[in-house]
Amino acid sequence: EFVKIGLMISLAKYIDIHKERVNEPFTLLKILAFAFLPVFLILLQP
């Protein structure tokens, strides 16, 4: 539950930093990896 807030803050900033290149495949993959690491850990709980 706390990680929800943590990821919303950190992902919002990470996207903001890369906003000019968000549709470049490599940049988008970096953003997705950044976003889905916590999701993967939550699925392991499960």
ModelCIF file with pLDDT and N, C-alpha, C, O atoms, coordinates in Angstrom:
data_MODEL
#
_entry.id   MODEL 
#
_entity.id                         1 
_entity.type                       polymer 
_entity.pdbx_number_of_molecules   1 
#
_entity_poly.entity_id                      1 
_entity_poly.type                           'polypeptide(L)' 
_entity_poly.nstd_linkage                   no 
_entity_poly.nstd_monomer                   no 
_entity_poly.pdbx_seq_one_letter_code       EFVKIGLMISLAKYIDIHKERVNEPFTLLKILAFAFLPVFLILLQP 
_entity_poly.pdbx_seq_one_letter_code_can   EFVKIGLMISLAKYIDIHKERVNEPFTLLKILAFAFLPVFLILLQP 
_entity_poly.pdbx_strand_id                 A 
#
loop_
_entity_poly_seq.entity_id 
_entity_poly_seq.num 
_entity_poly_seq.mon_id 
_entity_poly_seq.hetero 
1 1  GLU n 
1 2  PHE n 
1 3  VAL n 
1 4  LYS n 
1 5  ILE n 
1 6  GLY n 
1 7  LEU n 
1 8  MET n 
1 9  ILE n 
1 10 SER n 
1 11 LEU n 
1 12 ALA n 
1 13 LYS n 
1 14 TYR n 
1 15 ILE n 
1 16 ASP n 
1 17 ILE n 
1 18 HIS n 
1 19 LYS n 
1 20 GLU n 
1 21 ARG n 
1 22 VAL n 
1 23 ASN n 
1 24 GLU n 
1 25 PRO n 
1 26 PHE n 
1 27 THR n 
1 28 LEU n 
1 29 LEU n 
1 30 LYS n 
1 31 ILE n 
1 32 LEU n 
1 33 ALA n 
1 34 PHE n 
1 35 ALA n 
1 36 PHE n 
1 37 LEU n 
1 38 PRO n 
1 39 VAL n 
1 40 PHE n 
1 41 LEU n 
1 42 ILE n 
1 43 LEU n 
1 44 LEU n 
1 45 GLN n 
1 46 PRO n 
#
_struct_asym.id          A 
_struct_asym.entity_id   1 
#
loop_
_ma_qa_metric.id 
_ma_qa_metric.mode 
_ma_qa_metric.name 
_ma_qa_metric.software_group_id 
_ma_qa_metric.type 
1 global pLDDT . pLDDT 
2 local  pLDDT . pLDDT 
#
_ma_qa_metric_global.metric_id      1 
_ma_qa_metric_global.metric_value   94.26 
_ma_qa_metric_global.model_id       1 
_ma_qa_metric_global.ordinal_id     1 
#
loop_
_ma_qa_metric_local.label_asym_id 
_ma_qa_metric_local.label_comp_id 
_ma_qa_metric_local.label_seq_id 
_ma_qa_metric_local.metric_id 
_ma_qa_metric_local.metric_value 
_ma_qa_metric_local.model_id 
_ma_qa_metric_local.ordinal_id 
A GLU 1  2 93.00 1 1  
A PHE 2  2 95.00 1 2  
A VAL 3  2 96.00 1 3  
A LYS 4  2 96.00 1 4  
A ILE 5  2 96.00 1 5  
A GLY 6  2 97.00 1 6  
A LEU 7  2 97.00 1 7  
A MET 8  2 97.00 1 8  
A ILE 9  2 97.00 1 9  
A SER 10 2 97.00 1 10 
A LEU 11 2 97.00 1 11 
A ALA 12 2 97.00 1 12 
A LYS 13 2 97.00 1 13 
A TYR 14 2 97.00 1 14 
A ILE 15 2 97.00 1 15 
A ASP 16 2 96.00 1 16 
A ILE 17 2 96.00 1 17 
A HIS 18 2 94.00 1 18 
A LYS 19 2 91.00 1 19 
A GLU 20 2 91.00 1 20 
A ARG 21 2 93.00 1 21 
A VAL 22 2 92.00 1 22 
A ASN 23 2 93.00 1 23 
A GLU 24 2 94.00 1 24 
A PRO 25 2 93.00 1 25 
A PHE 26 2 95.00 1 26 
A THR 27 2 95.00 1 27 
A LEU 28 2 94.00 1 28 
A LEU 29 2 95.00 1 29 
A LYS 30 2 96.00 1 30 
A ILE 31 2 95.00 1 31 
A LEU 32 2 95.00 1 32 
A ALA 33 2 95.00 1 33 
A PHE 34 2 97.00 1 34 
A ALA 35 2 95.00 1 35 
A PHE 36 2 95.00 1 36 
A LEU 37 2 96.00 1 37 
A PRO 38 2 96.00 1 38 
A VAL 39 2 94.00 1 39 
A PHE 40 2 94.00 1 40 
A LEU 41 2 94.00 1 41 
A ILE 42 2 93.00 1 42 
A LEU 43 2 89.00 1 43 
A LEU 44 2 88.00 1 44 
A GLN 45 2 86.00 1 45 
A PRO 46 2 80.00 1 46 
#
loop_
_atom_site.group_PDB 
_atom_site.id 
_atom_site.type_symbol 
_atom_site.label_atom_id 
_atom_site.label_alt_id 
_atom_site.label_comp_id 
_atom_site.label_asym_id 
_atom_site.label_entity_id 
_atom_site.label_seq_id 
_atom_site.pdbx_PDB_ins_code 
_atom_site.Cartn_x 
_atom_site.Cartn_y 
_atom_site.Cartn_z 
_atom_site.occupancy 
_atom_site.B_iso_or_equiv 
_atom_site.pdbx_formal_charge 
_atom_site.auth_seq_id 
_atom_site.auth_comp_id 
_atom_site.auth_asym_id 
_atom_site.auth_atom_id 
_atom_site.pdbx_PDB_model_num 
ATOM 1   N N  . GLU A 1 1  ? 0.835  -1.198  0.000   1.00 93.00 ? 1  GLU A N  1 
ATOM 2   C CA . GLU A 1 1  ? 0.000  0.000   0.000   1.00 93.00 ? 1  GLU A CA 1 
ATOM 3   C C  . GLU A 1 1  ? 0.875  1.255   0.000   1.00 93.00 ? 1  GLU A C  1 
ATOM 4   O O  . GLU A 1 1  ? 0.594  2.204   -0.732  1.00 93.00 ? 1  GLU A O  1 
ATOM 5   N N  . PHE A 1 2  ? 1.924  1.265   0.809   1.00 95.00 ? 2  PHE A N  1 
ATOM 6   C CA . PHE A 1 2  ? 2.829  2.412   0.827   1.00 95.00 ? 2  PHE A CA 1 
ATOM 7   C C  . PHE A 1 2  ? 3.645  2.487   -0.468  1.00 95.00 ? 2  PHE A C  1 
ATOM 8   O O  . PHE A 1 2  ? 3.992  3.570   -0.938  1.00 95.00 ? 2  PHE A O  1 
ATOM 9   N N  . VAL A 1 3  ? 3.942  1.315   -1.032  1.00 96.00 ? 3  VAL A N  1 
ATOM 10  C CA . VAL A 1 3  ? 4.711  1.281   -2.277  1.00 96.00 ? 3  VAL A CA 1 
ATOM 11  C C  . VAL A 1 3  ? 3.911  1.904   -3.425  1.00 96.00 ? 3  VAL A C  1 
ATOM 12  O O  . VAL A 1 3  ? 4.495  2.450   -4.362  1.00 96.00 ? 3  VAL A O  1 
ATOM 13  N N  . LYS A 1 4  ? 2.575  1.822   -3.355  1.00 96.00 ? 4  LYS A N  1 
ATOM 14  C CA . LYS A 1 4  ? 1.744  2.509   -4.354  1.00 96.00 ? 4  LYS A CA 1 
ATOM 15  C C  . LYS A 1 4  ? 2.154  3.979   -4.443  1.00 96.00 ? 4  LYS A C  1 
ATOM 16  O O  . LYS A 1 4  ? 2.410  4.505   -5.526  1.00 96.00 ? 4  LYS A O  1 
ATOM 17  N N  . ILE A 1 5  ? 2.208  4.624   -3.284  1.00 96.00 ? 5  ILE A N  1 
ATOM 18  C CA . ILE A 1 5  ? 2.566  6.045   -3.261  1.00 96.00 ? 5  ILE A CA 1 
ATOM 19  C C  . ILE A 1 5  ? 4.003  6.234   -3.712  1.00 96.00 ? 5  ILE A C  1 
ATOM 20  O O  . ILE A 1 5  ? 4.304  7.130   -4.500  1.00 96.00 ? 5  ILE A O  1 
ATOM 21  N N  . GLY A 1 6  ? 4.889  5.382   -3.207  1.00 97.00 ? 6  GLY A N  1 
ATOM 22  C CA . GLY A 1 6  ? 6.295  5.485   -3.585  1.00 97.00 ? 6  GLY A CA 1 
ATOM 23  C C  . GLY A 1 6  ? 6.506  5.365   -5.074  1.00 97.00 ? 6  GLY A C  1 
ATOM 24  O O  . GLY A 1 6  ? 7.286  6.120   -5.654  1.00 97.00 ? 6  GLY A O  1 
ATOM 25  N N  . LEU A 1 7  ? 5.815  4.417   -5.709  1.00 97.00 ? 7  LEU A N  1 
ATOM 26  C CA . LEU A 1 7  ? 5.983  4.232   -7.148  1.00 97.00 ? 7  LEU A CA 1 
ATOM 27  C C  . LEU A 1 7  ? 5.327  5.367   -7.927  1.00 97.00 ? 7  LEU A C  1 
ATOM 28  O O  . LEU A 1 7  ? 5.864  5.803   -8.945  1.00 97.00 ? 7  LEU A O  1 
ATOM 29  N N  . MET A 1 8  ? 4.188  5.846   -7.470  1.00 97.00 ? 8  MET A N  1 
ATOM 30  C CA . MET A 1 8  ? 3.548  6.965   -8.173  1.00 97.00 ? 8  MET A CA 1 
ATOM 31  C C  . MET A 1 8  ? 4.451  8.199   -8.169  1.00 97.00 ? 8  MET A C  1 
ATOM 32  O O  . MET A 1 8  ? 4.549  8.902   -9.175  1.00 97.00 ? 8  MET A O  1 
ATOM 33  N N  . ILE A 1 9  ? 5.102  8.456   -7.050  1.00 97.00 ? 9  ILE A N  1 
ATOM 34  C CA . ILE A 1 9  ? 6.019  9.601   -6.957  1.00 97.00 ? 9  ILE A CA 1 
ATOM 35  C C  . ILE A 1 9  ? 7.230  9.395   -7.858  1.00 97.00 ? 9  ILE A C  1 
ATOM 36  O O  . ILE A 1 9  ? 7.561  10.251  -8.679  1.00 97.00 ? 9  ILE A O  1 
ATOM 37  N N  . SER A 1 10 ? 7.890  8.242   -7.693  1.00 97.00 ? 10 SER A N  1 
ATOM 38  C CA . SER A 1 10 ? 9.139  8.000   -8.420  1.00 97.00 ? 10 SER A CA 1 
ATOM 39  C C  . SER A 1 10 ? 8.904  7.819   -9.916  1.00 97.00 ? 10 SER A C  1 
ATOM 40  O O  . SER A 1 10 ? 9.705  8.290   -10.723 1.00 97.00 ? 10 SER A O  1 
ATOM 41  N N  . LEU A 1 11 ? 7.816  7.143   -10.301 1.00 97.00 ? 11 LEU A N  1 
ATOM 42  C CA . LEU A 1 11 ? 7.525  6.956   -11.724 1.00 97.00 ? 11 LEU A CA 1 
ATOM 43  C C  . LEU A 1 11 ? 7.138  8.282   -12.372 1.00 97.00 ? 11 LEU A C  1 
ATOM 44  O O  . LEU A 1 11 ? 7.536  8.558   -13.504 1.00 97.00 ? 11 LEU A O  1 
ATOM 45  N N  . ALA A 1 12 ? 6.371  9.098   -11.666 1.00 97.00 ? 12 ALA A N  1 
ATOM 46  C CA . ALA A 1 12 ? 6.002  10.410  -12.208 1.00 97.00 ? 12 ALA A CA 1 
ATOM 47  C C  . ALA A 1 12 ? 7.241  11.247  -12.482 1.00 97.00 ? 12 ALA A C  1 
ATOM 48  O O  . ALA A 1 12 ? 7.331  11.905  -13.518 1.00 97.00 ? 12 ALA A O  1 
ATOM 49  N N  . LYS A 1 13 ? 8.191  11.226  -11.567 1.00 97.00 ? 13 LYS A N  1 
ATOM 50  C CA . LYS A 1 13 ? 9.420  11.992  -11.760 1.00 97.00 ? 13 LYS A CA 1 
ATOM 51  C C  . LYS A 1 13 ? 10.269 11.390  -12.868 1.00 97.00 ? 13 LYS A C  1 
ATOM 52  O O  . LYS A 1 13 ? 10.850 12.121  -13.670 1.00 97.00 ? 13 LYS A O  1 
ATOM 53  N N  . TYR A 1 14 ? 10.345 10.071  -12.921 1.00 97.00 ? 14 TYR A N  1 
ATOM 54  C CA . TYR A 1 14 ? 11.159 9.400   -13.935 1.00 97.00 ? 14 TYR A CA 1 
ATOM 55  C C  . TYR A 1 14 ? 10.610 9.698   -15.336 1.00 97.00 ? 14 TYR A C  1 
ATOM 56  O O  . TYR A 1 14 ? 11.373 9.961   -16.265 1.00 97.00 ? 14 TYR A O  1 
ATOM 57  N N  . ILE A 1 15 ? 9.278  9.655   -15.476 1.00 97.00 ? 15 ILE A N  1 
ATOM 58  C CA . ILE A 1 15 ? 8.672  10.001  -16.763 1.00 97.00 ? 15 ILE A CA 1 
ATOM 59  C C  . ILE A 1 15 ? 8.913  11.460  -17.087 1.00 97.00 ? 15 ILE A C  1 
ATOM 60  O O  . ILE A 1 15 ? 9.200  11.805  -18.233 1.00 97.00 ? 15 ILE A O  1 
ATOM 61  N N  . ASP A 1 16 ? 8.798  12.324  -16.083 1.00 96.00 ? 16 ASP A N  1 
ATOM 62  C CA . ASP A 1 16 ? 9.012  13.758  -16.285 1.00 96.00 ? 16 ASP A CA 1 
ATOM 63  C C  . ASP A 1 16 ? 10.420 14.034  -16.811 1.00 96.00 ? 16 ASP A C  1 
ATOM 64  O O  . ASP A 1 16 ? 10.610 14.880  -17.685 1.00 96.00 ? 16 ASP A O  1 
ATOM 65  N N  . ILE A 1 17 ? 11.401 13.314  -16.271 1.00 96.00 ? 17 ILE A N  1 
ATOM 66  C CA . ILE A 1 17 ? 12.787 13.494  -16.711 1.00 96.00 ? 17 ILE A CA 1 
ATOM 67  C C  . ILE A 1 17 ? 12.954 13.082  -18.177 1.00 96.00 ? 17 ILE A C  1 
ATOM 68  O O  . ILE A 1 17 ? 13.728 13.693  -18.913 1.00 96.00 ? 17 ILE A O  1 
ATOM 69  N N  . HIS A 1 18 ? 12.230 12.051  -18.591 1.00 94.00 ? 18 HIS A N  1 
ATOM 70  C CA . HIS A 1 18 ? 12.373 11.507  -19.951 1.00 94.00 ? 18 HIS A CA 1 
ATOM 71  C C  . HIS A 1 18 ? 11.196 11.895  -20.855 1.00 94.00 ? 18 HIS A C  1 
ATOM 72  O O  . HIS A 1 18 ? 10.970 11.242  -21.875 1.00 94.00 ? 18 HIS A O  1 
ATOM 73  N N  . LYS A 1 19 ? 10.455 12.927  -20.507 1.00 91.00 ? 19 LYS A N  1 
ATOM 74  C CA . LYS A 1 19 ? 9.218  13.240  -21.222 1.00 91.00 ? 19 LYS A CA 1 
ATOM 75  C C  . LYS A 1 19 ? 9.429  13.554  -22.700 1.00 91.00 ? 19 LYS A C  1 
ATOM 76  O O  . LYS A 1 19 ? 8.543  13.304  -23.516 1.00 91.00 ? 19 LYS A O  1 
ATOM 77  N N  . GLU A 1 20 ? 10.592 14.098  -23.051 1.00 91.00 ? 20 GLU A N  1 
ATOM 78  C CA . GLU A 1 20 ? 10.822 14.453  -24.454 1.00 91.00 ? 20 GLU A CA 1 
ATOM 79  C C  . GLU A 1 20 ? 11.086 13.222  -25.315 1.00 91.00 ? 20 GLU A C  1 
ATOM 80  O O  . GLU A 1 20 ? 10.976 13.286  -26.540 1.00 91.00 ? 20 GLU A O  1 
ATOM 81  N N  . ARG A 1 21 ? 11.435 12.097  -24.679 1.00 93.00 ? 21 ARG A N  1 
ATOM 82  C CA . ARG A 1 21 ? 11.783 10.884  -25.440 1.00 93.00 ? 21 ARG A CA 1 
ATOM 83  C C  . ARG A 1 21 ? 10.928 9.688   -25.036 1.00 93.00 ? 21 ARG A C  1 
ATOM 84  O O  . ARG A 1 21 ? 11.322 8.536   -25.221 1.00 93.00 ? 21 ARG A O  1 
ATOM 85  N N  . VAL A 1 22 ? 9.744  9.979   -24.479 1.00 92.00 ? 22 VAL A N  1 
ATOM 86  C CA . VAL A 1 22 ? 8.945  8.902   -23.912 1.00 92.00 ? 22 VAL A CA 1 
ATOM 87  C C  . VAL A 1 22 ? 8.501  7.879   -24.961 1.00 92.00 ? 22 VAL A C  1 
ATOM 88  O O  . VAL A 1 22 ? 8.218  6.733   -24.613 1.00 92.00 ? 22 VAL A O  1 
ATOM 89  N N  . ASN A 1 23 ? 8.436  8.274   -26.246 1.00 93.00 ? 23 ASN A N  1 
ATOM 90  C CA . ASN A 1 23 ? 8.003  7.345   -27.288 1.00 93.00 ? 23 ASN A CA 1 
ATOM 91  C C  . ASN A 1 23 ? 9.158  6.694   -28.044 1.00 93.00 ? 23 ASN A C  1 
ATOM 92  O O  . ASN A 1 23 ? 8.938  5.955   -29.004 1.00 93.00 ? 23 ASN A O  1 
ATOM 93  N N  . GLU A 1 24 ? 10.383 6.969   -27.613 1.00 94.00 ? 24 GLU A N  1 
ATOM 94  C CA . GLU A 1 24 ? 11.514 6.242   -28.175 1.00 94.00 ? 24 GLU A CA 1 
ATOM 95  C C  . GLU A 1 24 ? 11.551 4.845   -27.540 1.00 94.00 ? 24 GLU A C  1 
ATOM 96  O O  . GLU A 1 24 ? 11.476 4.731   -26.317 1.00 94.00 ? 24 GLU A O  1 
ATOM 97  N N  . PRO A 1 25 ? 11.666 3.785   -28.344 1.00 93.00 ? 25 PRO A N  1 
ATOM 98  C CA . PRO A 1 25 ? 11.571 2.421   -27.805 1.00 93.00 ? 25 PRO A CA 1 
ATOM 99  C C  . PRO A 1 25 ? 12.479 2.154   -26.611 1.00 93.00 ? 25 PRO A C  1 
ATOM 100 O O  . PRO A 1 25 ? 12.032 1.582   -25.617 1.00 93.00 ? 25 PRO A O  1 
ATOM 101 N N  . PHE A 1 26 ? 13.765 2.562   -26.690 1.00 95.00 ? 26 PHE A N  1 
ATOM 102 C CA . PHE A 1 26 ? 14.687 2.278   -25.589 1.00 95.00 ? 26 PHE A CA 1 
ATOM 103 C C  . PHE A 1 26 ? 14.272 3.012   -24.321 1.00 95.00 ? 26 PHE A C  1 
ATOM 104 O O  . PHE A 1 26 ? 14.316 2.446   -23.228 1.00 95.00 ? 26 PHE A O  1 
ATOM 105 N N  . THR A 1 27 ? 13.867 4.276   -24.466 1.00 95.00 ? 27 THR A N  1 
ATOM 106 C CA . THR A 1 27 ? 13.426 5.055   -23.302 1.00 95.00 ? 27 THR A CA 1 
ATOM 107 C C  . THR A 1 27 ? 12.166 4.459   -22.692 1.00 95.00 ? 27 THR A C  1 
ATOM 108 O O  . THR A 1 27 ? 12.043 4.360   -21.471 1.00 95.00 ? 27 THR A O  1 
ATOM 109 N N  . LEU A 1 28 ? 11.235 4.063   -23.547 1.00 94.00 ? 28 LEU A N  1 
ATOM 110 C CA . LEU A 1 28 ? 9.995  3.472   -23.052 1.00 94.00 ? 28 LEU A CA 1 
ATOM 111 C C  . LEU A 1 28 ? 10.261 2.155   -22.325 1.00 94.00 ? 28 LEU A C  1 
ATOM 112 O O  . LEU A 1 28 ? 9.629  1.863   -21.310 1.00 94.00 ? 28 LEU A O  1 
ATOM 113 N N  . LEU A 1 29 ? 11.193 1.367   -22.844 1.00 95.00 ? 29 LEU A N  1 
ATOM 114 C CA . LEU A 1 29 ? 11.552 0.114   -22.162 1.00 95.00 ? 29 LEU A CA 1 
ATOM 115 C C  . LEU A 1 29 ? 12.170 0.388   -20.794 1.00 95.00 ? 29 LEU A C  1 
ATOM 116 O O  . LEU A 1 29 ? 11.908 -0.344  -19.840 1.00 95.00 ? 29 LEU A O  1 
ATOM 117 N N  . LYS A 1 30 ? 12.984 1.431   -20.691 1.00 96.00 ? 30 LYS A N  1 
ATOM 118 C CA . LYS A 1 30 ? 13.557 1.805   -19.391 1.00 96.00 ? 30 LYS A CA 1 
ATOM 119 C C  . LYS A 1 30 ? 12.460 2.190   -18.404 1.00 96.00 ? 30 LYS A C  1 
ATOM 120 O O  . LYS A 1 30 ? 12.490 1.796   -17.238 1.00 96.00 ? 30 LYS A O  1 
ATOM 121 N N  . ILE A 1 31 ? 11.494 2.965   -18.887 1.00 95.00 ? 31 ILE A N  1 
ATOM 122 C CA . ILE A 1 31 ? 10.389 3.387   -18.014 1.00 95.00 ? 31 ILE A CA 1 
ATOM 123 C C  . ILE A 1 31 ? 9.572  2.178   -17.567 1.00 95.00 ? 31 ILE A C  1 
ATOM 124 O O  . ILE A 1 31 ? 9.190  2.083   -16.401 1.00 95.00 ? 31 ILE A O  1 
ATOM 125 N N  . LEU A 1 32 ? 9.303  1.253   -18.492 1.00 95.00 ? 32 LEU A N  1 
ATOM 126 C CA . LEU A 1 32 ? 8.531  0.061   -18.150 1.00 95.00 ? 32 LEU A CA 1 
ATOM 127 C C  . LEU A 1 32 ? 9.272  -0.823  -17.160 1.00 95.00 ? 32 LEU A C  1 
ATOM 128 O O  . LEU A 1 32 ? 8.664  -1.367  -16.238 1.00 95.00 ? 32 LEU A O  1 
ATOM 129 N N  . ALA A 1 33 ? 10.589 -0.974  -17.341 1.00 95.00 ? 33 ALA A N  1 
ATOM 130 C CA . ALA A 1 33 ? 11.382 -1.762  -16.392 1.00 95.00 ? 33 ALA A CA 1 
ATOM 131 C C  . ALA A 1 33 ? 11.361 -1.114  -15.015 1.00 95.00 ? 33 ALA A C  1 
ATOM 132 O O  . ALA A 1 33 ? 11.229 -1.795  -13.998 1.00 95.00 ? 33 ALA A O  1 
ATOM 133 N N  . PHE A 1 34 ? 11.493 0.201   -14.991 1.00 97.00 ? 34 PHE A N  1 
ATOM 134 C CA . PHE A 1 34 ? 11.445 0.969   -13.740 1.00 97.00 ? 34 PHE A CA 1 
ATOM 135 C C  . PHE A 1 34 ? 10.105 0.760   -13.048 1.00 97.00 ? 34 PHE A C  1 
ATOM 136 O O  . PHE A 1 34 ? 10.052 0.589   -11.830 1.00 97.00 ? 34 PHE A O  1 
ATOM 137 N N  . ALA A 1 35 ? 9.014  0.773   -13.827 1.00 95.00 ? 35 ALA A N  1 
ATOM 138 C CA . ALA A 1 35 ? 7.669  0.687   -13.261 1.00 95.00 ? 35 ALA A CA 1 
ATOM 139 C C  . ALA A 1 35 ? 7.308  -0.719  -12.809 1.00 95.00 ? 35 ALA A C  1 
ATOM 140 O O  . ALA A 1 35 ? 6.641  -0.891  -11.789 1.00 95.00 ? 35 ALA A O  1 
ATOM 141 N N  . PHE A 1 36 ? 7.747  -1.736  -13.566 1.00 95.00 ? 36 PHE A N  1 
ATOM 142 C CA . PHE A 1 36 ? 7.247  -3.083  -13.320 1.00 95.00 ? 36 PHE A CA 1 
ATOM 143 C C  . PHE A 1 36 ? 8.119  -3.927  -12.391 1.00 95.00 ? 36 PHE A C  1 
ATOM 144 O O  . PHE A 1 36 ? 7.737  -5.051  -12.068 1.00 95.00 ? 36 PHE A O  1 
ATOM 145 N N  . LEU A 1 37 ? 9.259  -3.434  -11.955 1.00 96.00 ? 37 LEU A N  1 
ATOM 146 C CA . LEU A 1 37 ? 10.026 -4.168  -10.943 1.00 96.00 ? 37 LEU A CA 1 
ATOM 147 C C  . LEU A 1 37 ? 9.216  -4.351  -9.664  1.00 96.00 ? 37 LEU A C  1 
ATOM 148 O O  . LEU A 1 37 ? 9.144  -5.472  -9.161  1.00 96.00 ? 37 LEU A O  1 
ATOM 149 N N  . PRO A 1 38 ? 8.595  -3.292  -9.109  1.00 96.00 ? 38 PRO A N  1 
ATOM 150 C CA . PRO A 1 38 ? 7.750  -3.494  -7.923  1.00 96.00 ? 38 PRO A CA 1 
ATOM 151 C C  . PRO A 1 38 ? 6.560  -4.422  -8.190  1.00 96.00 ? 38 PRO A C  1 
ATOM 152 O O  . PRO A 1 38 ? 6.162  -5.187  -7.311  1.00 96.00 ? 38 PRO A O  1 
ATOM 153 N N  . VAL A 1 39 ? 5.993  -4.357  -9.394  1.00 94.00 ? 39 VAL A N  1 
ATOM 154 C CA . VAL A 1 39 ? 4.867  -5.227  -9.726  1.00 94.00 ? 39 VAL A CA 1 
ATOM 155 C C  . VAL A 1 39 ? 5.302  -6.690  -9.695  1.00 94.00 ? 39 VAL A C  1 
ATOM 156 O O  . VAL A 1 39 ? 4.579  -7.547  -9.186  1.00 94.00 ? 39 VAL A O  1 
ATOM 157 N N  . PHE A 1 40 ? 6.477  -6.970  -10.236 1.00 94.00 ? 40 PHE A N  1 
ATOM 158 C CA . PHE A 1 40 ? 7.015  -8.333  -10.226 1.00 94.00 ? 40 PHE A CA 1 
ATOM 159 C C  . PHE A 1 40 ? 7.199  -8.842  -8.787  1.00 94.00 ? 40 PHE A C  1 
ATOM 160 O O  . PHE A 1 40 ? 6.878  -9.992  -8.486  1.00 94.00 ? 40 PHE A O  1 
ATOM 161 N N  . LEU A 1 41 ? 7.711  -7.988  -7.913  1.00 94.00 ? 41 LEU A N  1 
ATOM 162 C CA . LEU A 1 41 ? 7.915  -8.377  -6.514  1.00 94.00 ? 41 LEU A CA 1 
ATOM 163 C C  . LEU A 1 41 ? 6.584  -8.637  -5.816  1.00 94.00 ? 41 LEU A C  1 
ATOM 164 O O  . LEU A 1 41 ? 6.496  -9.515  -4.958  1.00 94.00 ? 41 LEU A O  1 
ATOM 165 N N  . ILE A 1 42 ? 5.551  -7.882  -6.176  1.00 93.00 ? 42 ILE A N  1 
ATOM 166 C CA . ILE A 1 42 ? 4.232  -8.090  -5.578  1.00 93.00 ? 42 ILE A CA 1 
ATOM 167 C C  . ILE A 1 42 ? 3.621  -9.401  -6.071  1.00 93.00 ? 42 ILE A C  1 
ATOM 168 O O  . ILE A 1 42 ? 2.965  -10.106 -5.304  1.00 93.00 ? 42 ILE A O  1 
ATOM 169 N N  . LEU A 1 43 ? 3.831  -9.729  -7.336  1.00 89.00 ? 43 LEU A N  1 
ATOM 170 C CA . LEU A 1 43 ? 3.317  -10.991 -7.866  1.00 89.00 ? 43 LEU A CA 1 
ATOM 171 C C  . LEU A 1 43 ? 3.969  -12.193 -7.194  1.00 89.00 ? 43 LEU A C  1 
ATOM 172 O O  . LEU A 1 43 ? 3.368  -13.266 -7.133  1.00 89.00 ? 43 LEU A O  1 
ATOM 173 N N  . LEU A 1 44 ? 5.182  -12.029 -6.692  1.00 88.00 ? 44 LEU A N  1 
ATOM 174 C CA . LEU A 1 44 ? 5.863  -13.127 -6.009  1.00 88.00 ? 44 LEU A CA 1 
ATOM 175 C C  . LEU A 1 44 ? 5.299  -13.399 -4.622  1.00 88.00 ? 44 LEU A C  1 
ATOM 176 O O  . LEU A 1 44 ? 5.619  -14.431 -4.031  1.00 88.00 ? 44 LEU A O  1 
ATOM 177 N N  . GLN A 1 45 ? 4.470  -12.507 -4.082  1.00 86.00 ? 45 GLN A N  1 
ATOM 178 C CA . GLN A 1 45 ? 3.999  -12.674 -2.698  1.00 86.00 ? 45 GLN A CA 1 
ATOM 179 C C  . GLN A 1 45 ? 3.089  -13.895 -2.497  1.00 86.00 ? 45 GLN A C  1 
ATOM 180 O O  . GLN A 1 45 ? 3.322  -14.539 -1.474  1.00 86.00 ? 45 GLN A O  1 
ATOM 181 N N  . PRO A 1 46 ? 2.120  -14.319 -3.267  1.00 80.00 ? 46 PRO A N  1 
ATOM 182 C CA . PRO A 1 46 ? 1.613  -13.658 -4.478  1.00 80.00 ? 46 PRO A CA 1 
ATOM 183 C C  . PRO A 1 46 ? 0.387  -12.814 -4.132  1.00 80.00 ? 46 PRO A C  1 
ATOM 184 O O  . PRO A 1 46 ? -0.191 -12.176 -5.011  1.00 80.00 ? 46 PRO A O  1 
#
